[in-house]
Amino acid sequence: MKNEISIGRAGELLAASIVETFGYRTALCQQQGLDMILIDGNDYYKCEVKATKTLSKDKVKRYAFTTSTGTKPKKPIDHNDVDIICLVALDIRKCWFIKANKDVKIRTNVGLQRMINNEEAEQLSQVIEDLRSEKCGKR
């Protein structure tokens, strides 16, 4: 359990530092189901961070993230509770940003090459743009 906590905490700190380099402000939270507030001007986005320190143990080169809450039964992260899910690969120090929505599964996989080649700033910007569009009723 202690190892999971340190992995989670490292993921939150790395995610916050990466997001800050893109010009956003962040506030880390110590709450179940909410790890970080992302601040863009007057807009606030609730963010859940999920981290792993290595590739999955199977033969496929991918990162496997548990994008759920609870124990038994596990439930996918609720898009009513958070806006953004940030998946962090600690070994390569990269983030993958997704909009929390009803299609989020209990597990989310991201291939190694996709993670390495991810343009994090563009991806986060697109997620925020999508969230803004939804708020304004444009989608």
Protein backbone atom coordinates (compact mmCIF):
# COMPACT_ATOMS: atom_id res chain seq x y z
CA MET A 1 0.00 0.00 0.00
CA LYS A 2 2.81 2.42 0.86
CA ASN A 3 4.38 1.86 -2.57
CA GLU A 4 1.04 2.64 -4.27
CA ILE A 5 0.78 5.87 -2.28
CA SER A 6 4.30 6.96 -3.24
CA ILE A 7 3.65 6.13 -6.92
CA GLY A 8 0.42 8.10 -6.78
CA ARG A 9 2.03 11.06 -5.08
CA ALA A 10 4.95 11.09 -7.54
CA GLY A 11 2.44 11.01 -10.39
CA GLU A 12 0.52 13.96 -8.97
CA LEU A 13 3.68 16.01 -8.52
CA LEU A 14 4.96 15.19 -12.02
CA ALA A 15 1.56 15.93 -13.59
CA ALA A 16 1.35 19.28 -11.78
CA SER A 17 4.85 20.28 -12.88
CA ILE A 18 4.18 19.33 -16.51
CA VAL A 19 0.85 21.18 -16.55
CA GLU A 20 2.49 24.26 -14.99
CA THR A 21 5.11 24.32 -17.78
CA PHE A 22 2.23 24.73 -20.26
CA GLY A 23 1.18 27.98 -18.56
CA TYR A 24 -1.67 26.69 -16.40
CA ARG A 25 -1.74 26.90 -12.62
CA THR A 26 -2.42 23.87 -10.45
CA ALA A 27 -3.48 23.14 -6.90
CA LEU A 28 -2.91 19.65 -5.54
CA CYS A 29 -5.74 18.20 -3.46
CA GLN A 30 -5.68 15.52 -0.80
CA GLN A 31 -9.16 14.16 -1.48
CA GLN A 32 -10.49 10.81 -2.59
CA GLY A 33 -11.24 11.00 -6.32
CA LEU A 34 -9.75 14.47 -6.86
CA ASP A 35 -6.01 14.98 -7.10
CA MET A 36 -5.52 18.33 -8.75
CA ILE A 37 -7.33 21.49 -9.77
CA LEU A 38 -6.13 22.86 -13.10
CA ILE A 39 -6.61 26.61 -13.36
CA ASP A 40 -6.81 28.40 -16.71
CA GLY A 41 -7.56 32.07 -16.10
CA ASN A 42 -10.99 32.09 -14.49
CA ASP A 43 -11.76 28.49 -15.46
CA TYR A 44 -11.19 25.56 -13.11
CA TYR A 45 -10.99 21.89 -14.06
CA LYS A 46 -11.07 18.96 -11.65
CA CYS A 47 -8.39 16.41 -12.46
CA GLU A 48 -7.83 12.83 -11.33
CA VAL A 49 -4.25 11.57 -11.75
CA LYS A 50 -3.45 7.89 -12.30
CA ALA A 51 0.19 6.85 -12.36
CA THR A 52 2.27 3.78 -13.05
CA LYS A 53 6.01 3.43 -12.76
CA THR A 54 6.59 0.82 -15.48
CA LEU A 55 5.12 -0.85 -18.54
CA SER A 56 2.52 -3.55 -17.96
CA LYS A 57 3.86 -7.03 -17.26
CA ASP A 58 2.31 -8.61 -20.37
CA LYS A 59 4.18 -8.93 -23.67
CA VAL A 60 2.47 -5.87 -25.16
CA LYS A 61 4.48 -2.67 -24.72
CA ARG A 62 1.85 -0.55 -23.04
CA TYR A 63 1.02 1.29 -19.87
CA ALA A 64 -2.02 -0.02 -18.02
CA PHE A 65 -3.91 2.39 -15.77
CA THR A 66 -6.75 1.67 -13.38
CA THR A 67 -9.20 4.43 -14.24
CA SER A 68 -11.73 3.46 -11.62
CA THR A 69 -12.72 4.13 -8.03
CA GLY A 70 -13.74 1.85 -5.20
CA THR A 71 -12.69 -1.69 -4.51
CA LYS A 72 -15.46 -4.21 -5.06
CA PRO A 73 -17.10 -3.52 -7.33
CA LYS A 74 -14.83 -1.07 -9.13
CA LYS A 75 -16.58 1.72 -10.99
CA PRO A 76 -15.13 3.83 -13.81
CA ILE A 77 -14.19 7.37 -12.80
CA ASP A 78 -17.41 9.36 -12.84
CA HIS A 79 -17.40 12.25 -15.32
CA ASN A 80 -19.70 14.12 -12.95
CA ASP A 81 -16.90 14.15 -10.35
CA VAL A 82 -13.91 15.15 -12.49
CA ASP A 83 -13.29 16.85 -15.82
CA ILE A 84 -9.86 15.53 -16.82
CA ILE A 85 -8.01 12.29 -16.22
CA CYS A 86 -4.23 12.54 -16.38
CA LEU A 87 -2.39 9.25 -16.94
CA VAL A 88 1.27 9.43 -15.89
CA ALA A 89 4.09 7.11 -16.97
CA LEU A 90 6.70 7.80 -14.32
CA ASP A 91 9.56 5.91 -15.98
CA ILE A 92 9.51 8.16 -19.06
CA ARG A 93 8.02 11.20 -17.31
CA LYS A 94 5.12 11.65 -19.72
CA CYS A 95 1.42 12.45 -19.31
CA TRP A 96 -1.62 11.40 -21.33
CA PHE A 97 -4.68 13.63 -20.87
CA ILE A 98 -8.24 12.48 -21.50
CA LYS A 99 -11.58 14.10 -20.94
CA ALA A 100 -13.56 12.30 -18.28
CA ASN A 101 -16.75 11.09 -19.93
CA LYS A 102 -19.25 8.26 -19.83
CA ASP A 103 -17.00 6.14 -22.08
CA VAL A 104 -14.17 5.85 -19.53
CA LYS A 105 -13.53 2.19 -18.71
CA ILE A 106 -12.24 0.57 -15.52
CA ARG A 107 -8.84 0.10 -17.20
CA THR A 108 -7.21 2.35 -19.77
CA ASN A 109 -4.18 1.29 -21.79
CA VAL A 110 -1.77 3.53 -23.69
CA GLY A 111 0.87 2.02 -25.96
CA LEU A 112 4.50 2.84 -25.27
CA GLN A 113 5.08 4.59 -28.61
CA ARG A 114 1.84 6.57 -28.33
CA MET A 115 2.91 7.76 -24.87
CA ILE A 116 6.45 8.63 -25.99
CA ASN A 117 5.25 10.53 -29.08
CA ASN A 118 2.39 12.32 -27.31
CA GLU A 119 2.36 16.08 -27.68
CA GLU A 120 1.17 16.70 -24.13
CA ALA A 121 0.56 20.44 -24.44
CA GLU A 122 -1.55 20.01 -27.59
CA GLN A 123 -3.47 17.10 -26.09
CA LEU A 124 -4.28 19.00 -22.88
CA SER A 125 -5.25 22.08 -24.86
CA GLN A 126 -7.66 19.98 -26.97
CA VAL A 127 -9.22 18.40 -23.86
CA ILE A 128 -9.76 21.86 -22.34
CA GLU A 129 -11.20 23.16 -25.61
CA ASP A 130 -13.64 20.23 -25.70
CA LEU A 131 -14.69 20.89 -22.10
CA ARG A 132 -15.24 24.59 -22.84
CA SER A 133 -17.33 23.74 -25.89
CA GLU A 134 -19.52 21.46 -23.80
CA LYS A 135 -19.99 24.16 -21.14
CA CYS A 136 -21.06 26.64 -23.80
CA GLY A 137 -23.45 24.10 -25.34
CA LYS A 138 -21.57 23.98 -28.62
CA ARG A 139 -21.39 20.18 -28.70
